[in-house]
Amino acid sequence: MFSSLRKLFTSDPDPREARRPLWNAVIATARAPHWYTDGQVPDTLDGRFDMISLVLALVLHRIDDDPAQAAASVQLTELFVDDMDGQMRQIGFGDMVVGKQIGRMVGALGGRLGAYRAPDGSDGLKAALVRNLWRGKDAPDAGLAHVLGEIAKLRAGLAAMPVETLVVADQLPGQSG
């Protein structure tokens, strides 16, 4: 009977926590200074969100290559939503606004997931980067070149990593400091 009561009052661990190291790696990669210095991505709330969305999209694309890891993709996306919710509340947004903003952010991530499937160096990828990272303004040539090169490195590193290794990774491959 005591065992039954303990089960009633204890909760199972959150399965999303298995993806926490990977989520932290996505954040660390997106916050690497080179994106904002060499890549000249605006170091603003929008710029940081767009970098997180870019790195997350590339990681999710790789996870999608292994249908057996579909749950990991969902869990990672849920951590994104939870983190964005927490960040918005920390900034001071209220309950009424947070829900609408999270909906917009998830929609933005969905659009970026499609746009960032464009091949490395393609006009489609360049257009998506300019539209998202620089909000449609002229991107600095050197900055765009840097971002394109780093995306290619990240994709190559992800492609070389087995998906079952990626979903438990605590760092992402193919990045320069």
C-alpha atoms as a PDB file:
ATOM      1  CA  MET A   1       0.000   0.000   0.000  1.00  0.00           C
ATOM      2  CA  PHE A   2       2.812   2.438   0.827  1.00  0.00           C
ATOM      3  CA  SER A   3       4.213   1.834  -2.668  1.00  0.00           C
ATOM      4  CA  SER A   4       0.857   2.737  -4.220  1.00  0.00           C
ATOM      5  CA  LEU A   5       0.697   5.976  -2.225  1.00  0.00           C
ATOM      6  CA  ARG A   6       4.227   6.906  -3.241  1.00  0.00           C
ATOM      7  CA  LYS A   7       3.306   6.438  -6.904  1.00  0.00           C
ATOM      8  CA  LEU A   8       0.276   8.648  -6.380  1.00  0.00           C
ATOM      9  CA  PHE A   9       2.341  11.508  -4.943  1.00  0.00           C
ATOM     10  CA  THR A  10       5.478  11.282  -7.072  1.00  0.00           C
ATOM     11  CA  SER A  11       5.633  12.141 -10.690  1.00  0.00           C
ATOM     12  CA  ASP A  12       7.594  10.451 -13.391  1.00  0.00           C
ATOM     13  CA  PRO A  13      10.533  12.438 -14.735  1.00  0.00           C
ATOM     14  CA  ASP A  14       9.688  14.759 -17.608  1.00  0.00           C
ATOM     15  CA  PRO A  15      10.794  12.904 -20.765  1.00  0.00           C
ATOM     16  CA  ARG A  16      11.704  16.234 -22.351  1.00  0.00           C
ATOM     17  CA  GLU A  17      14.565  16.533 -19.887  1.00  0.00           C
ATOM     18  CA  ALA A  18      16.426  13.895 -21.901  1.00  0.00           C
ATOM     19  CA  ARG A  19      16.665  16.577 -24.636  1.00  0.00           C
ATOM     20  CA  ARG A  20      17.835  19.339 -22.266  1.00  0.00           C
ATOM     21  CA  PRO A  21      21.554  18.874 -23.117  1.00  0.00           C
ATOM     22  CA  LEU A  22      20.740  19.148 -26.832  1.00  0.00           C
ATOM     23  CA  TRP A  23      18.548  22.211 -26.237  1.00  0.00           C
ATOM     24  CA  ASN A  24      21.396  23.817 -24.277  1.00  0.00           C
ATOM     25  CA  ALA A  25      23.739  23.021 -27.175  1.00  0.00           C
ATOM     26  CA  VAL A  26      21.328  24.700 -29.626  1.00  0.00           C
ATOM     27  CA  ILE A  27      21.263  27.812 -27.429  1.00  0.00           C
ATOM     28  CA  ALA A  28      25.050  27.848 -26.992  1.00  0.00           C
ATOM     29  CA  THR A  29      25.579  27.497 -30.733  1.00  0.00           C
ATOM     30  CA  ALA A  30      23.053  30.236 -31.530  1.00  0.00           C
ATOM     31  CA  ARG A  31      24.645  32.574 -28.991  1.00  0.00           C
ATOM     32  CA  ALA A  32      28.217  32.032 -30.219  1.00  0.00           C
ATOM     33  CA  PRO A  33      29.733  35.510 -30.670  1.00  0.00           C
ATOM     34  CA  HIS A  34      30.875  34.873 -34.253  1.00  0.00           C
ATOM     35  CA  TRP A  35      27.282  35.065 -35.540  1.00  0.00           C
ATOM     36  CA  TYR A  36      26.981  38.611 -34.217  1.00  0.00           C
ATOM     37  CA  THR A  37      30.526  39.815 -34.911  1.00  0.00           C
ATOM     38  CA  ASP A  38      31.726  38.103 -38.100  1.00  0.00           C
ATOM     39  CA  GLY A  39      28.184  37.319 -39.272  1.00  0.00           C
ATOM     40  CA  GLN A  40      26.898  40.776 -38.338  1.00  0.00           C
ATOM     41  CA  VAL A  41      23.543  39.349 -37.254  1.00  0.00           C
ATOM     42  CA  PRO A  42      21.881  42.047 -35.110  1.00  0.00           C
ATOM     43  CA  ASP A  43      22.462  41.219 -31.437  1.00  0.00           C
ATOM     44  CA  THR A  44      18.892  42.073 -30.479  1.00  0.00           C
ATOM     45  CA  LEU A  45      15.956  40.072 -29.130  1.00  0.00           C
ATOM     46  CA  ASP A  46      14.819  39.451 -32.708  1.00  0.00           C
ATOM     47  CA  GLY A  47      18.326  38.592 -33.897  1.00  0.00           C
ATOM     48  CA  ARG A  48      18.841  36.127 -31.055  1.00  0.00           C
ATOM     49  CA  PHE A  49      15.439  34.543 -31.645  1.00  0.00           C
ATOM     50  CA  ASP A  50      16.254  34.178 -35.334  1.00  0.00           C
ATOM     51  CA  MET A  51      19.616  32.566 -34.607  1.00  0.00           C
ATOM     52  CA  ILE A  52      18.020  30.106 -32.185  1.00  0.00           C
ATOM     53  CA  SER A  53      15.361  29.333 -34.807  1.00  0.00           C
ATOM     54  CA  LEU A  54      18.020  28.818 -37.482  1.00  0.00           C
ATOM     55  CA  VAL A  55      20.137  26.429 -35.415  1.00  0.00           C
ATOM     56  CA  LEU A  56      17.066  24.621 -34.087  1.00  0.00           C
ATOM     57  CA  ALA A  57      15.693  24.209 -37.627  1.00  0.00           C
ATOM     58  CA  LEU A  58      18.952  22.619 -38.811  1.00  0.00           C
ATOM     59  CA  VAL A  59      18.980  20.251 -35.830  1.00  0.00           C
ATOM     60  CA  LEU A  60      15.313  19.329 -36.345  1.00  0.00           C
ATOM     61  CA  HIS A  61      15.956  18.677 -40.046  1.00  0.00           C
ATOM     62  CA  ARG A  62      18.674  16.201 -39.078  1.00  0.00           C
ATOM     63  CA  ILE A  63      16.489  14.497 -36.470  1.00  0.00           C
ATOM     64  CA  ASP A  64      13.755  14.169 -39.114  1.00  0.00           C
ATOM     65  CA  ASP A  65      16.139  11.930 -41.085  1.00  0.00           C
ATOM     66  CA  ASP A  66      15.443   9.171 -38.529  1.00  0.00           C
ATOM     67  CA  PRO A  67      11.685   8.605 -38.114  1.00  0.00           C
ATOM     68  CA  ALA A  68      12.396   6.505 -35.004  1.00  0.00           C
ATOM     69  CA  GLN A  69      13.496   9.737 -33.281  1.00  0.00           C
ATOM     70  CA  ALA A  70      10.242  11.624 -33.895  1.00  0.00           C
ATOM     71  CA  ALA A  71       9.585  11.913 -30.147  1.00  0.00           C
ATOM     72  CA  ALA A  72      12.959  13.629 -29.676  1.00  0.00           C
ATOM     73  CA  SER A  73      11.975  16.222 -32.273  1.00  0.00           C
ATOM     74  CA  VAL A  74       8.704  16.920 -30.467  1.00  0.00           C
ATOM     75  CA  GLN A  75      10.450  17.113 -27.084  1.00  0.00           C
ATOM     76  CA  LEU A  76      13.069  19.529 -28.409  1.00  0.00           C
ATOM     77  CA  THR A  77      10.352  21.733 -29.901  1.00  0.00           C
ATOM     78  CA  GLU A  78       8.486  21.696 -26.590  1.00  0.00           C
ATOM     79  CA  LEU A  79      11.660  22.856 -24.808  1.00  0.00           C
ATOM     80  CA  PHE A  80      11.855  25.708 -27.340  1.00  0.00           C
ATOM     81  CA  VAL A  81       8.282  26.724 -26.491  1.00  0.00           C
ATOM     82  CA  ASP A  82       8.883  26.467 -22.744  1.00  0.00           C
ATOM     83  CA  ASP A  83      12.081  28.490 -22.979  1.00  0.00           C
ATOM     84  CA  MET A  84      10.506  31.214 -25.110  1.00  0.00           C
ATOM     85  CA  ASP A  85       7.567  31.375 -22.700  1.00  0.00           C
ATOM     86  CA  GLY A  86       9.924  31.785 -19.749  1.00  0.00           C
ATOM     87  CA  GLN A  87      12.005  34.410 -21.539  1.00  0.00           C
ATOM     88  CA  MET A  88       8.937  36.471 -22.378  1.00  0.00           C
ATOM     89  CA  ARG A  89       7.669  36.307 -18.807  1.00  0.00           C
ATOM     90  CA  GLN A  90      11.104  37.317 -17.526  1.00  0.00           C
ATOM     91  CA  ILE A  91      11.037  40.364 -19.814  1.00  0.00           C
ATOM     92  CA  GLY A  92       7.692  41.274 -18.260  1.00  0.00           C
ATOM     93  CA  PHE A  93       5.024  40.143 -20.716  1.00  0.00           C
ATOM     94  CA  GLY A  94       1.726  39.164 -19.077  1.00  0.00           C
ATOM     95  CA  ASP A  95      -0.315  36.003 -19.556  1.00  0.00           C
ATOM     96  CA  MET A  96      -2.576  37.557 -22.193  1.00  0.00           C
ATOM     97  CA  VAL A  97       0.336  38.570 -24.399  1.00  0.00           C
ATOM     98  CA  VAL A  98       2.569  35.542 -23.865  1.00  0.00           C
ATOM     99  CA  GLY A  99       0.134  33.075 -25.433  1.00  0.00           C
ATOM    100  CA  LYS A 100      -0.259  35.151 -28.584  1.00  0.00           C
ATOM    101  CA  GLN A 101       3.494  35.755 -28.865  1.00  0.00           C
ATOM    102  CA  ILE A 102       4.280  32.060 -28.385  1.00  0.00           C
ATOM    103  CA  GLY A 103       1.817  31.256 -31.150  1.00  0.00           C
ATOM    104  CA  ARG A 104       3.631  33.720 -33.421  1.00  0.00           C
ATOM    105  CA  MET A 105       7.006  32.275 -32.474  1.00  0.00           C
ATOM    106  CA  VAL A 106       5.911  28.715 -33.203  1.00  0.00           C
ATOM    107  CA  GLY A 107       4.510  29.908 -36.521  1.00  0.00           C
ATOM    108  CA  ALA A 108       7.787  31.664 -37.274  1.00  0.00           C
ATOM    109  CA  LEU A 109       9.724  28.504 -36.444  1.00  0.00           C
ATOM    110  CA  GLY A 110       7.445  26.535 -38.764  1.00  0.00           C
ATOM    111  CA  GLY A 111       8.128  28.943 -41.613  1.00  0.00           C
ATOM    112  CA  ARG A 112      11.853  28.813 -40.978  1.00  0.00           C
ATOM    113  CA  LEU A 113      11.796  25.012 -40.926  1.00  0.00           C
ATOM    114  CA  GLY A 114      10.572  25.131 -44.504  1.00  0.00           C
ATOM    115  CA  ALA A 115      12.776  28.001 -45.665  1.00  0.00           C
ATOM    116  CA  TYR A 116      15.972  26.573 -44.182  1.00  0.00           C
ATOM    117  CA  ARG A 117      15.614  23.322 -46.124  1.00  0.00           C
ATOM    118  CA  ALA A 118      17.009  25.238 -49.102  1.00  0.00           C
ATOM    119  CA  PRO A 119      20.424  23.889 -50.165  1.00  0.00           C
ATOM    120  CA  ASP A 120      23.657  25.476 -48.945  1.00  0.00           C
ATOM    121  CA  GLY A 121      24.576  28.577 -50.921  1.00  0.00           C
ATOM    122  CA  SER A 122      21.300  28.622 -52.849  1.00  0.00           C
ATOM    123  CA  ASP A 123      19.429  31.802 -53.663  1.00  0.00           C
ATOM    124  CA  GLY A 124      16.522  30.445 -51.620  1.00  0.00           C
ATOM    125  CA  LEU A 125      18.670  30.062 -48.518  1.00  0.00           C
ATOM    126  CA  LYS A 126      20.244  33.476 -48.982  1.00  0.00           C
ATOM    127  CA  ALA A 127      16.803  35.084 -49.365  1.00  0.00           C
ATOM    128  CA  ALA A 128      15.511  33.317 -46.233  1.00  0.00           C
ATOM    129  CA  LEU A 129      18.516  34.456 -44.212  1.00  0.00           C
ATOM    130  CA  VAL A 130      18.181  38.076 -45.357  1.00  0.00           C
ATOM    131  CA  ARG A 131      14.436  38.030 -44.661  1.00  0.00           C
ATOM    132  CA  ASN A 132      14.837  36.528 -41.187  1.00  0.00           C
ATOM    133  CA  LEU A 133      18.221  37.523 -39.787  1.00  0.00           C
ATOM    134  CA  TRP A 134      18.370  41.028 -41.245  1.00  0.00           C
ATOM    135  CA  ARG A 135      14.594  41.608 -41.442  1.00  0.00           C
ATOM    136  CA  GLY A 136      14.694  42.083 -45.202  1.00  0.00           C
ATOM    137  CA  LYS A 137      17.301  44.842 -45.114  1.00  0.00           C
ATOM    138  CA  ASP A 138      20.461  44.571 -47.154  1.00  0.00           C
ATOM    139  CA  ALA A 139      22.674  42.029 -45.458  1.00  0.00           C
ATOM    140  CA  PRO A 140      26.362  42.877 -45.277  1.00  0.00           C
ATOM    141  CA  ASP A 141      28.146  40.742 -47.874  1.00  0.00           C
ATOM    142  CA  ALA A 142      30.846  39.570 -45.453  1.00  0.00           C
ATOM    143  CA  GLY A 143      28.236  38.811 -42.779  1.00  0.00           C
ATOM    144  CA  LEU A 144      26.049  36.813 -45.132  1.00  0.00           C
ATOM    145  CA  ALA A 145      29.081  34.906 -46.422  1.00  0.00           C
ATOM    146  CA  HIS A 146      30.106  34.074 -42.855  1.00  0.00           C
ATOM    147  CA  VAL A 147      26.622  32.855 -41.900  1.00  0.00           C
ATOM    148  CA  LEU A 148      26.365  30.750 -45.067  1.00  0.00           C
ATOM    149  CA  GLY A 149      29.766  29.172 -44.374  1.00  0.00           C
ATOM    150  CA  GLU A 150      28.871  28.387 -40.766  1.00  0.00           C
ATOM    151  CA  ILE A 151      25.528  26.871 -41.803  1.00  0.00           C
ATOM    152  CA  ALA A 152      27.339  24.612 -44.268  1.00  0.00           C
ATOM    153  CA  LYS A 153      29.780  23.535 -41.523  1.00  0.00           C
ATOM    154  CA  LEU A 154      26.976  22.889 -39.072  1.00  0.00           C
ATOM    155  CA  ARG A 155      24.965  20.891 -41.613  1.00  0.00           C
ATOM    156  CA  ALA A 156      28.012  18.816 -42.544  1.00  0.00           C
ATOM    157  CA  GLY A 157      28.757  18.124 -38.891  1.00  0.00           C
ATOM    158  CA  LEU A 158      25.155  17.174 -38.196  1.00  0.00           C
ATOM    159  CA  ALA A 159      25.029  14.922 -41.264  1.00  0.00           C
ATOM    160  CA  ALA A 160      28.130  13.083 -40.033  1.00  0.00           C
ATOM    161  CA  MET A 161      26.589  12.502 -36.593  1.00  0.00           C
ATOM    162  CA  PRO A 162      24.201   9.568 -36.142  1.00  0.00           C
ATOM    163  CA  VAL A 163      20.779  10.874 -35.132  1.00  0.00           C
ATOM    164  CA  GLU A 164      20.674   8.643 -32.053  1.00  0.00           C
ATOM    165  CA  THR A 165      23.904  10.358 -30.932  1.00  0.00           C
ATOM    166  CA  LEU A 166      22.606  13.825 -31.797  1.00  0.00           C
ATOM    167  CA  VAL A 167      19.442  13.552 -29.707  1.00  0.00           C
ATOM    168  CA  VAL A 168      21.534  13.053 -26.546  1.00  0.00           C
ATOM    169  CA  ALA A 169      24.410  15.375 -27.517  1.00  0.00           C
ATOM    170  CA  ASP A 170      25.491  18.231 -25.291  1.00  0.00           C
ATOM    171  CA  GLN A 171      27.255  20.131 -28.066  1.00  0.00           C
ATOM    172  CA  LEU A 172      26.821  20.577 -31.790  1.00  0.00           C
ATOM    173  CA  PRO A 173      29.495  19.773 -34.373  1.00  0.00           C
ATOM    174  CA  GLY A 174      31.059  21.910 -37.052  1.00  0.00           C
ATOM    175  CA  GLN A 175      31.242  25.252 -35.288  1.00  0.00           C
ATOM    176  CA  SER A 176      34.082  27.685 -35.044  1.00  0.00           C
ATOM    177  CA  GLY A 177      34.611  29.790 -31.957  1.00  0.00           C
END
